Amino acid sequence: MKFTEYKDSIGKPCPKCGNNLLTEKEYKDCVRMYIRIAQVENFIKIMKWFNPLNYFRFIFGVQRKKYTLKKDYLNRPLYDKS
């Protein structure tokens, strides 16, 4: 179920047991959590600009080096069997 459909499910009965699918309190809690997550994401976007290196990357178009795992590293044993 999508978040936009939550409001429509308030007070609807569950097909299995007949209880409410979503109460008004649970809906308000979901909305509050959704808003908090959006605020944290915005805060992270703002805080990344306090690092001067990000200004340098933005001005000169420098991209971070992308690291990839080598194939032999992925097949290594997790522990020594000796």
N, C-alpha and C. Protein backbone atom coordinates (compact mmCIF):
# COMPACT_ATOMS: atom_id res chain seq x y z
N MET A 1 0.85 -1.17 0.00
CA MET A 1 0.00 0.00 0.00
C MET A 1 0.89 1.24 0.00
N LYS A 2 0.57 2.21 -0.82
CA LYS A 2 1.33 3.44 -0.89
C LYS A 2 0.94 4.37 0.26
N PHE A 3 1.89 5.25 0.60
CA PHE A 3 1.64 6.16 1.72
C PHE A 3 0.45 7.07 1.44
N THR A 4 0.23 7.42 0.20
CA THR A 4 -0.89 8.30 -0.15
C THR A 4 -2.25 7.62 0.06
N GLU A 5 -2.25 6.30 0.14
CA GLU A 5 -3.49 5.56 0.32
C GLU A 5 -3.81 5.29 1.80
N TYR A 6 -2.90 5.69 2.70
CA TYR A 6 -3.11 5.42 4.13
C TYR A 6 -4.37 6.10 4.65
N LYS A 7 -4.61 7.34 4.24
CA LYS A 7 -5.75 8.08 4.78
C LYS A 7 -7.06 7.40 4.42
N ASP A 8 -7.11 6.76 3.26
CA ASP A 8 -8.33 6.06 2.84
C ASP A 8 -8.58 4.80 3.65
N SER A 9 -7.53 4.23 4.27
CA SER A 9 -7.71 2.98 5.02
C SER A 9 -8.03 3.16 6.49
N ILE A 10 -8.19 4.39 6.95
CA ILE A 10 -8.52 4.63 8.36
C ILE A 10 -9.92 4.09 8.63
N GLY A 11 -10.01 3.20 9.58
CA GLY A 11 -11.30 2.66 10.00
C GLY A 11 -11.83 1.53 9.13
N LYS A 12 -11.15 1.17 8.06
CA LYS A 12 -11.62 0.05 7.23
C LYS A 12 -11.32 -1.26 7.94
N PRO A 13 -12.19 -2.24 7.82
CA PRO A 13 -11.95 -3.52 8.50
C PRO A 13 -10.92 -4.37 7.77
N CYS A 14 -10.21 -5.14 8.55
CA CYS A 14 -9.23 -6.08 8.00
C CYS A 14 -9.98 -7.25 7.35
N PRO A 15 -9.56 -7.70 6.17
CA PRO A 15 -10.27 -8.80 5.52
C PRO A 15 -10.16 -10.12 6.29
N LYS A 16 -9.11 -10.29 7.09
CA LYS A 16 -8.92 -11.56 7.80
C LYS A 16 -9.62 -11.57 9.16
N CYS A 17 -9.36 -10.54 9.98
CA CYS A 17 -9.85 -10.58 11.36
C CYS A 17 -10.99 -9.59 11.64
N GLY A 18 -11.17 -8.59 10.81
CA GLY A 18 -12.25 -7.63 11.01
C GLY A 18 -11.87 -6.41 11.83
N ASN A 19 -10.67 -6.38 12.42
CA ASN A 19 -10.23 -5.19 13.17
C ASN A 19 -9.89 -4.06 12.19
N ASN A 20 -9.71 -2.87 12.73
CA ASN A 20 -9.33 -1.72 11.89
C ASN A 20 -7.97 -1.96 11.26
N LEU A 21 -7.85 -1.63 9.97
CA LEU A 21 -6.55 -1.71 9.32
C LEU A 21 -5.63 -0.63 9.86
N LEU A 22 -6.18 0.56 10.07
CA LEU A 22 -5.39 1.69 10.51
C LEU A 22 -6.27 2.61 11.34
N THR A 23 -5.80 2.95 12.53
CA THR A 23 -6.54 3.87 13.37
C THR A 23 -6.06 5.30 13.10
N GLU A 24 -6.80 6.26 13.59
CA GLU A 24 -6.43 7.66 13.40
C GLU A 24 -5.08 7.96 14.06
N LYS A 25 -4.85 7.39 15.26
CA LYS A 25 -3.59 7.61 15.97
C LYS A 25 -2.42 7.02 15.18
N GLU A 26 -2.59 5.81 14.65
CA GLU A 26 -1.52 5.19 13.86
C GLU A 26 -1.23 6.00 12.60
N TYR A 27 -2.27 6.54 11.99
CA TYR A 27 -2.09 7.37 10.80
C TYR A 27 -1.30 8.64 11.13
N LYS A 28 -1.66 9.28 12.25
CA LYS A 28 -0.93 10.49 12.65
C LYS A 28 0.53 10.17 12.97
N ASP A 29 0.77 9.00 13.59
CA ASP A 29 2.15 8.59 13.88
C ASP A 29 2.94 8.38 12.59
N CYS A 30 2.30 7.78 11.58
CA CYS A 30 2.96 7.56 10.28
C CYS A 30 3.29 8.89 9.62
N VAL A 31 2.37 9.83 9.66
CA VAL A 31 2.60 11.14 9.05
C VAL A 31 3.72 11.86 9.79
N ARG A 32 3.72 11.78 11.11
CA ARG A 32 4.77 12.43 11.90
C ARG A 32 6.14 11.83 11.57
N MET A 33 6.21 10.50 11.43
CA MET A 33 7.46 9.85 11.10
C MET A 33 7.91 10.23 9.69
N TYR A 34 6.98 10.32 8.75
CA TYR A 34 7.29 10.71 7.38
C TYR A 34 7.87 12.12 7.34
N ILE A 35 7.30 13.03 8.12
CA ILE A 35 7.78 14.41 8.17
C ILE A 35 9.17 14.46 8.79
N ARG A 36 9.41 13.68 9.86
CA ARG A 36 10.72 13.67 10.51
C ARG A 36 11.80 13.15 9.56
N ILE A 37 11.48 12.12 8.79
CA ILE A 37 12.45 11.57 7.85
C ILE A 37 12.79 12.61 6.79
N ALA A 38 11.79 13.33 6.29
CA ALA A 38 12.04 14.39 5.31
C ALA A 38 12.91 15.49 5.91
N GLN A 39 12.68 15.83 7.18
CA GLN A 39 13.49 16.86 7.83
C GLN A 39 14.94 16.41 7.97
N VAL A 40 15.16 15.15 8.33
CA VAL A 40 16.52 14.64 8.48
C VAL A 40 17.22 14.63 7.12
N GLU A 41 16.52 14.22 6.07
CA GLU A 41 17.12 14.22 4.74
C GLU A 41 17.50 15.64 4.31
N ASN A 42 16.66 16.62 4.59
CA ASN A 42 16.99 18.01 4.27
C ASN A 42 18.17 18.50 5.09
N PHE A 43 18.23 18.11 6.35
CA PHE A 43 19.34 18.49 7.22
C PHE A 43 20.66 17.94 6.69
N ILE A 44 20.63 16.70 6.22
CA ILE A 44 21.84 16.08 5.68
C ILE A 44 22.29 16.82 4.42
N LYS A 45 21.33 17.21 3.57
CA LYS A 45 21.68 17.96 2.36
C LYS A 45 22.33 19.29 2.71
N ILE A 46 21.84 19.95 3.75
CA ILE A 46 22.41 21.23 4.17
C ILE A 46 23.78 21.04 4.81
N MET A 47 23.92 20.03 5.66
CA MET A 47 25.16 19.83 6.39
C MET A 47 26.33 19.44 5.50
N LYS A 48 26.06 18.84 4.34
CA LYS A 48 27.18 18.43 3.49
C LYS A 48 27.93 19.65 2.97
N TRP A 49 27.30 20.82 2.95
CA TRP A 49 27.98 22.01 2.44
C TRP A 49 28.89 22.66 3.48
N PHE A 50 28.90 22.16 4.71
CA PHE A 50 29.84 22.67 5.70
C PHE A 50 31.24 22.10 5.48
N ASN A 51 31.36 21.10 4.62
CA ASN A 51 32.65 20.53 4.29
C ASN A 51 33.22 21.31 3.10
N PRO A 52 34.35 22.02 3.26
CA PRO A 52 34.90 22.83 2.17
C PRO A 52 35.26 22.02 0.93
N LEU A 53 35.55 20.75 1.10
CA LEU A 53 35.89 19.92 -0.05
C LEU A 53 34.72 19.81 -1.02
N ASN A 54 33.50 19.86 -0.50
CA ASN A 54 32.33 19.81 -1.37
C ASN A 54 32.24 21.05 -2.25
N TYR A 55 32.64 22.22 -1.75
CA TYR A 55 32.68 23.43 -2.58
C TYR A 55 33.66 23.26 -3.73
N PHE A 56 34.83 22.71 -3.42
CA PHE A 56 35.85 22.47 -4.44
C PHE A 56 35.30 21.54 -5.52
N ARG A 57 34.67 20.46 -5.09
CA ARG A 57 34.10 19.51 -6.06
C ARG A 57 33.02 20.17 -6.91
N PHE A 58 32.21 21.00 -6.30
CA PHE A 58 31.13 21.66 -7.03
C PHE A 58 31.67 22.66 -8.06
N ILE A 59 32.66 23.45 -7.65
CA ILE A 59 33.20 24.49 -8.52
C ILE A 59 33.97 23.89 -9.70
N PHE A 60 34.81 22.90 -9.40
CA PHE A 60 35.68 22.35 -10.44
C PHE A 60 35.14 21.08 -11.09
N GLY A 61 34.00 20.62 -10.66
CA GLY A 61 33.39 19.45 -11.28
C GLY A 61 34.14 18.15 -11.02
N VAL A 62 34.82 18.10 -9.89
CA VAL A 62 35.59 16.90 -9.56
C VAL A 62 34.64 15.85 -9.01
N GLN A 63 34.69 14.67 -9.57
CA GLN A 63 33.85 13.58 -9.10
C GLN A 63 34.66 12.70 -8.17
N ARG A 64 33.98 12.09 -7.21
CA ARG A 64 34.65 11.15 -6.33
C ARG A 64 35.04 9.90 -7.11
N LYS A 65 36.15 9.32 -6.73
CA LYS A 65 36.60 8.10 -7.38
C LYS A 65 35.68 6.97 -6.96
N LYS A 66 35.23 6.22 -7.94
CA LYS A 66 34.34 5.10 -7.66
C LYS A 66 35.17 3.85 -7.48
N TYR A 67 35.02 3.21 -6.35
CA TYR A 67 35.77 2.01 -6.06
C TYR A 67 34.91 0.79 -6.38
N THR A 68 35.55 -0.21 -6.95
CA THR A 68 34.87 -1.46 -7.22
C THR A 68 35.66 -2.59 -6.58
N LEU A 69 34.96 -3.61 -6.18
CA LEU A 69 35.62 -4.76 -5.58
C LEU A 69 36.15 -5.66 -6.69
N LYS A 70 37.37 -6.14 -6.49
CA LYS A 70 37.94 -7.05 -7.46
C LYS A 70 37.27 -8.41 -7.32
N LYS A 71 37.28 -9.15 -8.40
CA LYS A 71 36.61 -10.45 -8.41
C LYS A 71 37.25 -11.41 -7.42
N ASP A 72 38.59 -11.40 -7.29
CA ASP A 72 39.24 -12.33 -6.37
C ASP A 72 38.95 -11.96 -4.92
N TYR A 73 38.65 -10.70 -4.64
CA TYR A 73 38.30 -10.30 -3.28
C TYR A 73 36.93 -10.84 -2.89
N LEU A 74 36.02 -10.90 -3.83
CA LEU A 74 34.67 -11.38 -3.54
C LEU A 74 34.65 -12.87 -3.26
N ASN A 75 35.61 -13.62 -3.80
CA ASN A 75 35.63 -15.08 -3.61
C ASN A 75 36.54 -15.53 -2.48
N ARG A 76 37.03 -14.62 -1.69
CA ARG A 76 37.94 -15.00 -0.61
C ARG A 76 37.18 -15.71 0.50
N PRO A 77 37.85 -16.60 1.25
CA PRO A 77 37.17 -17.26 2.38
C PRO A 77 36.92 -16.27 3.50
N LEU A 78 35.84 -16.48 4.22
CA LEU A 78 35.47 -15.56 5.29
C LEU A 78 36.35 -15.73 6.52
N TYR A 79 36.89 -16.91 6.72
CA TYR A 79 37.77 -17.15 7.86
C TYR A 79 38.79 -18.22 7.49
N ASP A 80 39.86 -18.28 8.26
CA ASP A 80 40.90 -19.25 8.01
C ASP A 80 40.49 -20.59 8.61
N LYS A 81 40.54 -21.64 7.84
CA LYS A 81 40.08 -22.96 8.31
C LYS A 81 41.20 -23.76 8.96
N SER A 82 42.35 -23.15 9.24
CA SER A 82 43.44 -23.92 9.84
C SER A 82 43.31 -24.08 11.32
